[in-house]
Each structure stands twice: as C-alpha cells, then as structure tokens.
Protein backbone atom coordinates (compact mmCIF):
# COMPACT_ATOMS: atom_id res chain seq x y z
CA MET A 1 -10.48 -1.82 -7.20
CA THR A 2 -9.99 -5.17 -5.47
CA ASP A 3 -10.33 -6.87 -8.88
CA ALA A 4 -7.22 -5.00 -10.06
CA LEU A 5 -5.30 -6.08 -6.96
CA ASN A 6 -6.37 -9.69 -7.49
CA THR A 7 -5.05 -9.44 -11.06
CA TYR A 8 -1.71 -8.19 -9.74
CA ARG A 9 -1.56 -10.99 -7.17
CA ALA A 10 -2.19 -13.54 -9.91
CA ALA A 11 0.65 -12.07 -11.98
CA TRP A 12 2.92 -12.21 -8.93
CA GLN A 13 2.29 -15.93 -8.57
CA ARG A 14 2.57 -16.59 -12.32
CA LYS A 15 5.82 -14.71 -13.08
CA PRO A 16 9.03 -15.69 -11.24
CA ILE A 17 10.85 -12.82 -12.95
CA LEU A 18 8.47 -10.38 -11.29
CA ARG A 19 9.22 -11.77 -7.84
CA THR A 20 12.97 -11.61 -8.49
CA LEU A 21 12.87 -7.96 -9.55
CA TYR A 22 10.58 -6.80 -6.78
CA ASN A 23 12.45 -8.72 -4.10
CA ASP A 24 15.51 -6.72 -5.15
CA ILE A 25 13.48 -3.52 -4.66
CA PHE A 26 12.11 -4.73 -1.31
CA ALA A 27 15.66 -5.38 -0.12
CA ARG A 28 16.71 -1.86 -1.13
CA ILE A 29 13.81 -0.32 0.79
CA ALA A 30 14.33 -2.47 3.89
CA SER A 31 18.05 -1.67 4.01
CA ARG A 32 17.36 2.08 4.31
CA CYS A 33 14.79 1.88 7.11
CA VAL A 34 15.63 2.70 10.73
CA PRO A 35 14.46 0.50 13.65
CA GLY A 36 10.88 0.89 14.81
CA THR A 37 7.32 0.82 13.51
CA THR A 38 7.02 1.19 9.74
CA LEU A 39 3.93 2.29 7.83
CA GLU A 40 3.59 1.09 4.26
CA ILE A 41 1.47 3.42 2.13
CA GLY A 42 -0.06 1.86 -0.97
CA GLY A 43 0.37 -1.70 0.29
CA GLY A 44 -1.24 -3.08 -2.87
CA ILE A 45 -0.87 -6.85 -2.97
CA GLY A 46 0.88 -6.95 0.40
CA ASN A 47 4.28 -8.49 -0.35
CA LEU A 48 6.57 -6.03 1.45
CA LYS A 49 5.56 -7.53 4.81
CA GLU A 50 7.81 -10.47 4.03
CA ARG A 51 10.88 -8.20 4.20
CA ILE A 52 10.18 -5.64 6.94
CA GLY A 53 9.25 -6.50 10.52
CA ASP A 54 6.80 -4.39 12.53
CA LEU A 55 5.13 -3.23 9.32
CA VAL A 56 1.63 -1.77 9.14
CA SER A 57 0.41 -2.19 5.58
CA SER A 58 -2.14 0.37 4.39
CA ASP A 59 -3.87 1.41 1.21
CA ILE A 60 -6.57 3.83 0.15
CA GLN A 61 -8.66 0.84 -1.01
CA TYR A 62 -9.67 -2.20 1.02
CA ALA A 63 -8.07 -5.60 0.63
CA PRO A 64 -8.30 -8.47 3.15
CA TRP A 65 -4.51 -8.84 3.47
CA LEU A 66 -3.97 -5.19 4.50
CA ASP A 67 -3.94 -3.83 8.07
CA LEU A 68 -5.43 -0.41 7.46
CA VAL A 69 -7.42 1.65 4.96
CA ALA A 70 -6.15 5.23 5.00
CA ASP A 71 -5.47 8.23 2.78
CA ALA A 72 -1.76 9.16 2.69
CA GLN A 73 -2.81 12.81 2.75
CA LYS A 74 -4.40 12.40 6.23
CA LEU A 75 -2.73 9.70 8.30
CA PRO A 76 -4.48 8.25 11.40
CA PHE A 77 -1.39 8.23 13.62
CA ALA A 78 -0.25 10.30 16.60
CA ASP A 79 2.63 12.75 16.38
CA GLY A 80 5.99 10.95 16.35
CA ALA A 81 4.38 7.50 16.26
CA LEU A 82 6.33 6.09 13.31
CA SER A 83 9.96 5.35 12.52
CA ASN A 84 9.49 4.87 8.78
CA ILE A 85 7.03 5.42 5.99
CA VAL A 86 7.70 3.20 2.97
CA MET A 87 6.17 3.35 -0.48
CA LEU A 88 6.62 1.54 -3.77
CA ASP A 89 5.22 3.25 -6.87
CA VAL A 90 2.88 5.38 -4.76
CA LEU A 91 4.06 9.01 -4.70
CA HIS A 92 3.24 9.58 -8.37
CA HIS A 93 -0.37 8.52 -7.67
CA ILE A 94 -0.98 10.89 -4.75
CA GLU A 95 -3.12 13.90 -5.67
CA PHE A 96 -1.26 16.40 -3.46
CA PRO A 97 2.14 15.04 -2.35
CA SER A 98 2.67 18.13 -0.15
CA LEU A 99 -0.12 16.92 2.12
CA LEU A 100 1.68 13.60 2.54
CA PHE A 101 4.97 15.32 3.38
CA ARG A 102 3.26 17.55 5.94
CA GLU A 103 1.70 14.47 7.55
CA ALA A 104 5.04 12.64 7.44
CA GLY A 105 6.68 15.54 9.25
CA ARG A 106 4.07 15.12 11.97
CA VAL A 107 3.88 11.33 12.43
CA LEU A 108 7.59 10.49 12.03
CA ARG A 109 9.89 10.61 15.05
CA GLU A 110 13.14 12.57 14.85
CA GLY A 111 15.49 10.66 12.56
CA GLY A 112 12.54 8.81 11.03
CA ARG A 113 12.48 8.26 7.31
CA ILE A 114 10.35 8.17 4.21
CA VAL A 115 11.84 5.48 1.98
CA MET A 116 10.32 5.06 -1.47
CA VAL A 117 11.00 3.61 -4.88
CA GLU A 118 9.44 5.43 -7.81
CA PRO A 119 9.75 5.79 -11.60
CA GLY A 120 12.86 7.73 -12.58
CA ILE A 121 12.67 9.83 -15.74
CA SER A 122 16.19 9.75 -17.17
CA VAL A 123 17.56 10.22 -20.68
CA GLY A 124 17.46 6.47 -21.19
CA SER A 125 14.10 5.74 -19.57
CA ARG A 126 12.10 8.68 -20.90
CA PRO A 127 11.15 7.07 -24.26
CA PHE A 128 9.80 4.04 -22.38
CA TYR A 129 7.76 6.09 -19.94
CA LEU A 130 6.37 8.32 -22.69
CA VAL A 131 4.65 5.29 -24.24
CA HIS A 132 3.65 3.82 -20.87
CA HIS A 133 -0.06 3.88 -20.05
CA GLU A 134 0.56 6.26 -17.14
CA PRO A 135 1.20 9.89 -18.16
CA VAL A 136 4.43 11.84 -17.80
CA ASP A 137 3.95 15.61 -17.37
CA LEU A 138 7.26 17.34 -16.68
CA ARG A 139 5.50 20.72 -16.45
CA ALA A 140 3.72 19.77 -13.21
CA ASP A 141 4.45 21.28 -9.81
CA PRO A 142 4.86 18.41 -7.30
CA LEU A 143 4.41 20.77 -4.34
CA ILE A 144 1.00 22.30 -5.11
CA GLU A 145 -1.74 21.89 -2.52
CA GLY A 146 -5.50 21.63 -2.58
CA ALA A 147 -8.46 19.75 -1.16
CA PRO A 148 -8.28 16.01 -2.00
CA ASP A 149 -11.07 14.75 -4.23
CA ALA A 150 -12.65 11.68 -2.60
CA SER A 151 -14.00 10.53 -5.96
CA ARG A 152 -10.61 10.65 -7.71
CA ASP A 153 -9.40 7.42 -9.31
CA PRO A 154 -6.64 6.08 -6.98
CA TYR A 155 -4.72 4.93 -10.07
CA ALA A 156 -4.62 8.46 -11.57
CA SER A 157 -0.98 9.47 -11.83
CA ASN A 158 1.89 11.54 -13.18
CA GLN A 159 5.09 9.50 -13.36
CA ALA A 160 7.19 12.66 -13.51
CA ILE A 161 6.35 13.79 -9.95
CA PRO A 162 9.19 11.95 -8.11
CA THR A 163 11.82 13.07 -10.63
CA LEU A 164 10.62 16.67 -10.46
CA LEU A 165 10.69 16.54 -6.66
CA VAL A 166 14.35 15.52 -6.37
CA THR A 167 15.65 17.62 -9.26
CA LYS A 168 13.89 20.83 -10.29
CA TYR A 169 11.94 21.25 -7.02
CA ARG A 170 14.52 19.90 -4.54
CA ASP A 171 15.38 23.32 -3.08
CA ALA A 172 11.72 24.33 -3.00
CA PHE A 173 10.92 21.14 -1.10
CA HIS A 174 13.51 21.96 1.58
CA ARG A 175 12.20 25.51 1.91
CA LYS A 176 8.63 24.30 2.26
CA PHE A 177 9.42 21.45 4.65
CA PRO A 178 12.47 22.56 6.64
CA GLN A 179 12.04 19.67 9.09
CA LEU A 180 12.56 17.17 6.25
CA ALA A 181 15.72 16.54 4.21
CA ILE A 182 16.18 14.57 0.99
CA ARG A 183 19.16 12.47 2.07
CA ASP A 184 19.65 10.12 -0.86
CA THR A 185 18.49 9.64 -4.42
CA ASP A 186 19.74 6.38 -5.94
CA TRP A 187 19.00 5.76 -9.61
CA PHE A 188 18.94 2.11 -10.72
CA ALA A 189 17.23 -0.49 -12.98
CA PHE A 190 18.23 -0.56 -16.64
CA VAL A 191 17.30 -3.57 -18.77
CA ALA A 192 15.78 -6.24 -16.54
CA TYR A 193 12.93 -4.06 -15.29
CA PRO A 194 11.46 -2.96 -18.67
CA ALA A 195 12.18 -6.39 -20.20
CA SER A 196 10.18 -8.13 -17.48
CA GLY A 197 6.88 -6.75 -18.73
CA GLY A 198 5.94 -5.85 -15.18
CA PHE A 199 2.52 -7.18 -14.26
CA LYS A 200 1.61 -7.72 -17.92
CA ARG A 201 1.52 -11.24 -19.37
CA TRP A 202 4.52 -10.77 -21.66
CA GLN A 203 8.22 -10.79 -20.80
CA LEU A 204 11.36 -10.44 -22.93
CA MET A 205 13.77 -12.42 -20.72
CA THR A 206 13.66 -15.43 -18.42
CA GLU A 207 14.03 -15.28 -14.65
CA PRO A 208 17.62 -16.66 -14.72
CA MET A 209 18.51 -14.04 -17.32
CA ALA A 210 17.02 -11.37 -15.07
CA ARG A 211 19.13 -12.54 -12.12
CA ALA A 212 22.31 -12.33 -14.19
CA THR A 213 21.29 -8.92 -15.56
CA LEU A 214 20.58 -7.59 -12.07
CA TRP A 215 24.06 -8.68 -10.97
CA ILE A 216 25.58 -6.59 -13.76
CA GLU A 217 23.26 -3.65 -13.21
CA ARG A 218 24.14 -3.34 -9.52
CA ARG A 219 27.77 -2.87 -10.49
CA ILE A 220 27.17 -0.04 -12.93
CA GLU A 221 24.24 1.82 -11.39
CA ARG A 222 26.35 4.35 -9.48
CA ALA A 223 28.06 5.46 -12.67
CA LEU A 224 25.17 5.22 -15.14
CA GLY A 225 21.98 5.31 -13.08
CA ARG A 226 21.32 9.05 -13.38
CA PHE A 227 21.53 8.83 -17.17
CA PHE A 228 19.81 5.51 -17.91
CA GLY A 229 17.98 4.36 -14.74
CA PHE A 230 14.30 3.49 -14.81
CA ARG A 231 13.86 3.65 -11.03
CA MET A 232 14.79 5.88 -8.10
CA LEU A 233 15.15 5.08 -4.43
CA ILE A 234 14.51 8.25 -2.43
CA VAL A 235 15.28 8.64 1.27
CA ILE A 236 13.80 11.62 3.12
CA GLU A 237 14.71 12.04 6.79
CA LYS A 238 13.09 14.04 9.55
CA LYS A 239 15.67 16.28 11.20
CA ALA A 240 16.27 16.50 14.92
CA ALA A 241 14.66 19.55 16.51
C-alpha cells in the first residue's frame, strides 16, 4: 500500500496543477473547521497538515509521515476528545460508513464537526464518474452496518455513497443519528478538476489555466454546482445535548 502512496507523492511533486487544485480543497475544508484538535482520516500523502493546525493525521495503512494508524470504523479516542474530523476522498472507501458516524458522535465534542470533500454525482459529472476506475452504484444503501472485513482492500469503493447520503438517505441519516446534523452540502468543481488528470500523468490544461478556471468556477458554483459539480463539501455537526 505504501508503494501507492509513494506514487501519489511523486505525482504531487511533479504536477503544479494538482497542488493548485488540492490547495483550493484544503482551504475549503480548513475554513469550515471549528477551533480545537482535528483528526484527519485517510491522511494519504499527508499534505493537509500544511493548512490545519493541531491536526492528527491518520490512515488505515502505515506511512512514515502519518501520526496514527487507525480504522475510521473504530477510533482510538476518548468521548468528546475531538473538535473536528476531516476527510478528503475517504467516505466512499469506508466499508460501513454508519460505524464511522457512530464513532464520530462519540469522539466529537458538542458543536464539533465532520468536514469532508467527496465525489459528487451530478447530471454533469455522472458520465465522467461512470468511466472512472472506481465504481458508482446508486442502488447502494450508505447506512447499512456489518462487521468490518480486516482483509478488505482499503481502496475498494463506491463513489455514489456521499451523494446518496446527502440526497436520498438524508432523512434516514438524521433519524439514525439524531445527535448529528448535515449542516451544509456545497457542490463545486467543474472543468479544472477533471481536466487536471488527477494523480495520473496526463493533464488537459496548464497550471495557470487552472488558476483562471478556478476563479471563474468559484463565482458560478452556487448557481450551477448541484447540476454540474464534480465535488461536494459536506459539513456534519454534533448537536448540543
């Protein structure tokens, strides 16, 4: 697994466009956090630490730049120990998201938040995600529970899970986790993100072009994000008792 992370780190250093796009995402996540200790789940190549202070970076697989190896479905923290849990492209990889939300309800303090950025399946993005190497199954139930499989590939995924959670299963989520509330769902990212090629070697625009495109995208995302966005920022807050 570390070999894959090393490949991603190499792409990060090689592609300025990648750093530009992800720094925009990091800024979005950081701006929605509340003061206090923050746990990053799925720390990957470890870049979010540059934007959020008092961050504990964790992943289910070991890497020397991470602080902690832990399963999101069973967090090694005391009740009310955390102010935020942040994730980038992680929820759709978790085998049973309900176990994460139950743990979040335990380890977050009152007013604490889960802040995450995930794939958003919109009218405009769906054709792209359907040919992506990660599957999209819109028939799935994001709230099912079971016993986690320790041998499961940590990169196994369903990119539809976050979209299902905040749309079709939003009310069911609130019934199941009454101490948690989905506060915000911001849809964004139109052209620059898919044109960057992500962590692949190819890209369809230069870094300066991406900067200009992001400037335009920020100004239209409120109006068009739900219909054409490729990404979602989701904020879930723990209610006061």
